């Protein structure tokens, strides 16, 4: 307390000057419209800049929550895609089928589940895998497709109760059935190693009009993905001299180095399709 009094006594004149200055400025800005408007403009500008910086800092520290919110919204939109449903000609079957249908009687074929990437490799020479934080307890099973915010990611190859491992497109054994969005011609897509952003598409006939920049998406032949999911865009066209097909170099739609949120796709009719195809092969043999 003694130090406070000594401080006031020592700087009494300065403190008195500041108090009188504040009082005089307050009276000036209160009773003079011009100065009041000037002061309000300056204070508003300063306050606006302060809150702008505060908002930037606040948003930065809440990016995780924002990303999670966007992931949930994307999942809801993916669940509502028309491509998830398959039209049924016999409406009487709807009552007997345990798989949900929409109001038009379309059978739900694809179900989407959100997941987070917890491990990812892109630099391995031939075999790259991705680990997700969802497993069999979350209804994830082997051979389900995985899609990112930008396009196709890969296929689930191993599952435990709480995590699963995905063979990404950046794997020598990975194959995806793609098609040209413009012409709807189909062909297999694979990765030949090297640049993780470059994929190869084959079996497109030379009679097809192909152009750089054309978009390649998943085809209707895929049993793991709905048709129309982006895979990449054509960046180079090579004519294979040993065949009547093109070799197309694609720029991958997915940036594998920055994957965080992904979606696991379940084809609810896949087991039925595979069982029938296997039975047909045995029957023909």
Protein backbone atom coordinates (compact mmCIF):
# COMPACT_ATOMS: atom_id res chain seq x y z
CA UNK A 1 0.00 0.00 0.00
CA UNK A 2 2.85 2.37 0.85
CA UNK A 3 4.39 1.76 -2.56
CA UNK A 4 1.11 2.68 -4.23
CA UNK A 5 0.96 6.01 -2.45
CA UNK A 6 4.59 6.69 -3.30
CA UNK A 7 3.86 5.89 -6.95
CA UNK A 8 0.84 8.23 -7.03
CA UNK A 9 2.79 10.98 -5.31
CA UNK A 10 5.70 10.62 -7.72
CA UNK A 11 3.57 10.59 -10.89
CA UNK A 12 0.68 12.73 -9.63
CA UNK A 13 1.04 15.35 -12.35
CA UNK A 14 1.16 12.79 -15.12
CA UNK A 15 -1.83 10.87 -13.78
CA UNK A 16 -3.82 14.09 -13.32
CA UNK A 17 -3.02 15.11 -16.89
CA UNK A 18 -4.21 11.73 -18.26
CA UNK A 19 -7.44 11.86 -16.26
CA UNK A 20 -8.23 15.41 -17.41
CA UNK A 21 -7.33 14.46 -21.00
CA UNK A 22 -9.73 11.50 -20.93
CA UNK A 23 -12.52 13.66 -19.44
CA UNK A 24 -12.00 16.42 -22.01
CA UNK A 25 -11.94 13.99 -24.93
CA UNK A 26 -15.07 12.29 -23.61
CA UNK A 27 -16.89 15.62 -23.44
CA UNK A 28 -15.62 16.58 -26.88
CA UNK A 29 -16.81 13.36 -28.54
CA UNK A 30 -20.09 13.36 -26.62
CA UNK A 31 -21.27 16.95 -27.33
CA UNK A 32 -19.70 17.54 -30.75
CA UNK A 33 -21.34 15.59 -33.58
CA UNK A 34 -18.43 15.89 -35.99
CA UNK A 35 -15.90 14.62 -33.47
CA UNK A 36 -18.35 11.98 -32.26
CA UNK A 37 -18.77 10.63 -35.80
CA UNK A 38 -15.00 10.71 -36.34
CA UNK A 39 -14.37 8.84 -33.09
CA UNK A 40 -17.05 6.23 -33.85
CA UNK A 41 -15.55 5.64 -37.27
CA UNK A 42 -12.05 5.15 -35.87
CA UNK A 43 -13.23 2.94 -33.01
CA UNK A 44 -15.38 0.87 -35.37
CA UNK A 45 -12.45 0.35 -37.70
CA UNK A 46 -10.14 -0.71 -34.88
CA UNK A 47 -12.77 -2.97 -33.35
CA UNK A 48 -13.51 -4.54 -36.75
CA UNK A 49 -9.84 -5.33 -37.35
CA UNK A 50 -9.53 -6.78 -33.88
CA UNK A 51 -12.53 -9.05 -34.30
CA UNK A 52 -11.35 -10.08 -37.76
CA UNK A 53 -8.05 -11.28 -36.32
CA UNK A 54 -9.85 -12.91 -33.41
CA UNK A 55 -12.13 -14.76 -35.83
CA UNK A 56 -9.16 -16.05 -37.82
CA UNK A 57 -7.50 -17.39 -34.68
CA UNK A 58 -10.78 -18.88 -33.43
CA UNK A 59 -11.44 -20.61 -36.77
CA UNK A 60 -7.90 -21.98 -36.90
CA UNK A 61 -8.25 -23.71 -33.54
CA UNK A 62 -11.64 -25.13 -34.55
CA UNK A 63 -10.62 -26.61 -37.91
CA UNK A 64 -10.88 -30.16 -36.58
CA UNK A 65 -14.50 -29.67 -35.49
CA UNK A 66 -15.29 -28.02 -38.82
CA UNK A 67 -13.74 -30.89 -40.78
CA UNK A 68 -15.70 -33.42 -38.77
CA UNK A 69 -18.93 -31.48 -39.38
CA UNK A 70 -18.25 -31.37 -43.12
CA UNK A 71 -17.46 -35.09 -43.13
CA UNK A 72 -20.82 -35.83 -41.49
CA UNK A 73 -22.61 -33.64 -44.03
CA UNK A 74 -20.80 -35.34 -46.91
CA UNK A 75 -21.77 -38.75 -45.52
CA UNK A 76 -25.42 -37.71 -45.37
CA UNK A 77 -25.27 -36.49 -48.97
CA UNK A 78 -23.56 -39.69 -50.13
CA UNK A 79 -26.23 -41.78 -48.43
CA UNK A 80 -28.87 -39.87 -50.42
CA UNK A 81 -27.26 -40.35 -53.86
CA UNK A 82 -29.66 -41.80 -56.47
CA UNK A 83 -26.84 -44.15 -57.51
CA UNK A 84 -27.23 -45.95 -54.17
CA UNK A 85 -30.58 -47.33 -55.26
CA UNK A 86 -31.51 -49.86 -57.89
CA UNK A 87 -34.94 -49.85 -59.49
CA UNK A 88 -37.06 -52.97 -58.96
CA UNK A 89 -39.60 -54.00 -61.56
CA UNK A 90 -41.63 -56.22 -59.25
CA UNK A 91 -42.94 -54.01 -56.46
CA UNK A 92 -44.28 -57.04 -54.57
CA UNK A 93 -40.71 -58.02 -53.71
CA UNK A 94 -40.30 -54.85 -51.67
CA UNK A 95 -42.42 -56.25 -48.86
CA UNK A 96 -40.32 -59.42 -48.66
CA UNK A 97 -36.92 -57.77 -48.76
CA UNK A 98 -35.17 -56.75 -45.53
CA UNK A 99 -32.95 -54.21 -47.31
CA UNK A 100 -34.38 -50.66 -47.09
CA UNK A 101 -36.02 -49.16 -50.16
CA UNK A 102 -36.91 -45.61 -51.01
CA UNK A 103 -40.40 -44.21 -51.59
CA UNK A 104 -40.29 -45.13 -55.29
CA UNK A 105 -39.54 -48.77 -54.58
CA UNK A 106 -35.85 -48.52 -55.47
CA UNK A 107 -33.70 -51.04 -53.61
CA UNK A 108 -30.80 -49.56 -51.66
CA UNK A 109 -27.68 -51.08 -53.17
CA UNK A 110 -24.91 -49.00 -51.54
CA UNK A 111 -24.48 -47.95 -47.91
CA UNK A 112 -21.80 -45.44 -46.84
CA UNK A 113 -19.91 -45.28 -43.53
CA UNK A 114 -17.51 -42.55 -42.45
CA UNK A 115 -13.98 -43.34 -41.22
CA UNK A 116 -10.75 -41.55 -40.29
CA UNK A 117 -7.32 -42.34 -41.77
CA UNK A 118 -4.92 -43.28 -38.95
CA UNK A 119 -2.01 -44.52 -41.09
CA UNK A 120 -1.11 -43.98 -44.73
CA UNK A 121 1.74 -44.86 -47.07
CA UNK A 122 2.37 -43.41 -50.53
CA UNK A 123 6.14 -43.68 -50.90
CA UNK A 124 6.51 -47.47 -51.07
CA UNK A 125 7.73 -48.77 -54.42
CA UNK A 126 4.79 -51.05 -55.18
CA UNK A 127 2.59 -51.81 -52.18
CA UNK A 128 0.86 -48.96 -50.35
CA UNK A 129 -1.77 -49.41 -47.66
CA UNK A 130 -4.07 -47.16 -45.62
CA UNK A 131 -5.35 -47.91 -42.10
CA UNK A 132 -8.79 -46.69 -40.98
CA UNK A 133 -10.25 -46.34 -37.48
CA UNK A 134 -13.28 -48.54 -38.24
CA UNK A 135 -13.51 -52.34 -38.17
CA UNK A 136 -15.89 -55.29 -38.02
CA UNK A 137 -17.64 -53.81 -34.98
CA UNK A 138 -18.65 -50.96 -37.31
CA UNK A 139 -19.94 -53.37 -40.00
CA UNK A 140 -16.80 -53.01 -42.12
CA UNK A 141 -15.92 -56.13 -44.13
CA UNK A 142 -13.29 -57.24 -46.58
CA UNK A 143 -13.67 -56.19 -50.25
CA UNK A 144 -15.64 -53.01 -49.48
CA UNK A 145 -14.69 -49.96 -51.52
CA UNK A 146 -13.22 -46.80 -49.99
CA UNK A 147 -13.87 -43.31 -51.36
CA UNK A 148 -12.35 -39.99 -50.32
CA UNK A 149 -13.71 -36.45 -50.70
CA UNK A 150 -12.11 -36.22 -54.16
CA UNK A 151 -12.61 -39.72 -55.53
CA UNK A 152 -11.73 -43.42 -55.32
CA UNK A 153 -9.17 -44.45 -52.67
CA UNK A 154 -9.01 -48.25 -52.64
CA UNK A 155 -10.43 -51.52 -51.29
CA UNK A 156 -10.60 -52.99 -47.78
CA UNK A 157 -8.33 -56.08 -47.63
CA UNK A 158 -8.13 -56.88 -43.91
CA UNK A 159 -10.38 -56.18 -40.93
CA UNK A 160 -10.11 -56.41 -37.14
CA UNK A 161 -12.82 -55.46 -34.62
CA UNK A 162 -11.75 -51.80 -34.42
CA UNK A 163 -9.56 -51.03 -37.47
CA UNK A 164 -9.22 -52.06 -41.09
CA UNK A 165 -6.50 -51.96 -43.75
CA UNK A 166 -7.15 -50.64 -47.24
CA UNK A 167 -5.18 -51.50 -50.35
CA UNK A 168 -5.03 -48.10 -52.02
CA UNK A 169 -4.96 -47.44 -55.75
CA UNK A 170 -1.20 -46.99 -55.25
CA UNK A 171 -0.67 -50.76 -55.18
CA UNK A 172 0.51 -53.02 -57.98
CA UNK A 173 -2.34 -55.48 -57.38
CA UNK A 174 -5.05 -52.82 -57.28
CA UNK A 175 -7.54 -52.80 -60.17
CA UNK A 176 -10.57 -50.55 -60.62
CA UNK A 177 -13.09 -50.66 -63.44
CA UNK A 178 -13.30 -47.14 -64.87
CA UNK A 179 -15.12 -45.50 -67.73
CA UNK A 180 -14.87 -42.31 -69.73
CA UNK A 181 -17.64 -40.04 -68.47
CA UNK A 182 -18.17 -38.52 -71.91
CA UNK A 183 -18.33 -41.73 -74.02
CA UNK A 184 -19.00 -44.32 -71.26
CA UNK A 185 -16.33 -46.67 -72.66
CA UNK A 186 -14.85 -48.87 -69.92
CA UNK A 187 -11.42 -50.20 -69.07
CA UNK A 188 -9.26 -51.31 -66.11
CA UNK A 189 -7.25 -48.74 -64.15
CA UNK A 190 -4.03 -49.51 -62.30
CA UNK A 191 -0.91 -47.90 -60.86
CA UNK A 192 2.49 -48.73 -62.32
CA UNK A 193 4.57 -47.24 -59.50
CA UNK A 194 6.57 -44.04 -59.36
CA UNK A 195 4.51 -40.86 -59.23
CA UNK A 196 1.60 -41.37 -56.77
CA UNK A 197 -0.58 -38.98 -58.75
CA UNK A 198 -0.39 -40.93 -62.05
CA UNK A 199 -2.66 -43.88 -62.96
CA UNK A 200 -2.90 -45.95 -66.15
CA UNK A 201 -6.11 -46.87 -68.00
CA UNK A 202 -6.15 -49.58 -70.69
CA UNK A 203 -8.47 -51.30 -73.18
CA UNK A 204 -10.01 -48.16 -74.65
CA UNK A 205 -10.44 -48.82 -78.41
CA UNK A 206 -8.69 -46.50 -80.87
CA UNK A 207 -12.05 -45.93 -82.51
CA UNK A 208 -13.16 -43.96 -79.44
CA UNK A 209 -12.68 -40.18 -79.53
CA UNK A 210 -10.49 -39.50 -76.51
CA UNK A 211 -9.18 -36.07 -75.49
CA UNK A 212 -6.87 -34.73 -72.81
CA UNK A 213 -8.86 -33.42 -69.87
CA UNK A 214 -11.63 -36.02 -70.20
CA UNK A 215 -12.89 -37.26 -66.84
CA UNK A 216 -12.67 -40.93 -65.86
CA UNK A 217 -15.13 -42.30 -63.27
CA UNK A 218 -16.08 -45.68 -61.84
CA UNK A 219 -18.03 -47.82 -64.29
CA UNK A 220 -21.29 -49.74 -63.94
CA UNK A 221 -19.21 -52.96 -63.95
CA UNK A 222 -17.71 -52.26 -60.54
CA UNK A 223 -19.01 -54.43 -57.70
CA UNK A 224 -17.43 -52.22 -55.01
CA UNK A 225 -18.30 -48.66 -56.04
CA UNK A 226 -21.37 -46.84 -57.38
CA UNK A 227 -20.87 -45.67 -60.94
CA UNK A 228 -19.78 -42.09 -61.49
CA UNK A 229 -17.23 -41.73 -58.64
CA UNK A 230 -14.23 -39.68 -59.92
CA UNK A 231 -10.97 -41.56 -60.53
CA UNK A 232 -8.92 -39.08 -62.56
CA UNK A 233 -8.55 -36.98 -65.70
CA UNK A 234 -6.69 -37.87 -68.89
CA UNK A 235 -3.33 -36.12 -69.15
CA UNK A 236 -1.64 -38.17 -71.89
CA UNK A 237 -2.80 -40.49 -74.71
CA UNK A 238 -0.56 -43.19 -76.16
CA UNK A 239 -1.45 -45.49 -79.07
CA UNK A 240 -0.38 -49.06 -78.29
CA UNK A 241 1.34 -50.32 -81.49
CA UNK A 242 0.76 -53.95 -80.49
CA UNK A 243 -3.02 -53.65 -80.20
CA UNK A 244 -6.06 -51.65 -81.22
CA UNK A 245 -6.28 -49.91 -77.87
CA UNK A 246 -5.05 -46.71 -76.24
CA UNK A 247 -2.94 -46.47 -73.12
CA UNK A 248 -4.23 -43.49 -71.15
CA UNK A 249 -2.25 -41.74 -68.44
CA UNK A 250 -4.51 -40.25 -65.77
CA UNK A 251 -4.01 -37.59 -63.14
CA UNK A 252 -5.53 -39.15 -60.01
CA UNK A 253 -8.53 -37.31 -58.58
CA UNK A 254 -7.46 -38.32 -55.06
CA UNK A 255 -4.48 -36.63 -53.41
CA UNK A 256 -3.33 -39.59 -51.33
CA UNK A 257 -0.85 -37.59 -49.28
CA UNK A 258 -3.54 -35.50 -47.59
CA UNK A 259 -6.27 -38.05 -46.88
CA UNK A 260 -8.03 -37.63 -43.54
CA UNK A 261 -11.75 -38.40 -43.78
CA UNK A 262 -12.88 -41.23 -46.07
CA UNK A 263 -16.05 -43.25 -46.66
CA UNK A 264 -16.36 -47.04 -46.78
CA UNK A 265 -18.91 -48.22 -49.36
CA UNK A 266 -20.89 -51.42 -48.91
CA UNK A 267 -22.57 -53.06 -51.89
CA UNK A 268 -25.45 -54.83 -50.14
CA UNK A 269 -26.04 -57.03 -53.19
CA UNK A 270 -22.41 -58.03 -53.78
CA UNK A 271 -22.55 -61.37 -51.97
CA UNK A 272 -25.67 -62.36 -53.89
CA UNK A 273 -24.06 -61.35 -57.18
CA UNK A 274 -20.79 -63.18 -56.47
CA UNK A 275 -22.58 -66.35 -55.32
CA UNK A 276 -24.76 -66.44 -58.44
CA UNK A 277 -21.80 -65.82 -60.78
CA UNK A 278 -19.73 -68.57 -59.08
CA UNK A 279 -22.65 -71.00 -59.24
CA UNK A 280 -23.13 -70.20 -62.94
CA UNK A 281 -19.43 -70.89 -63.68
CA UNK A 282 -19.64 -74.24 -61.94
CA UNK A 283 -22.86 -75.06 -63.75
CA UNK A 284 -21.34 -74.31 -67.16
CA UNK A 285 -18.22 -76.38 -66.39
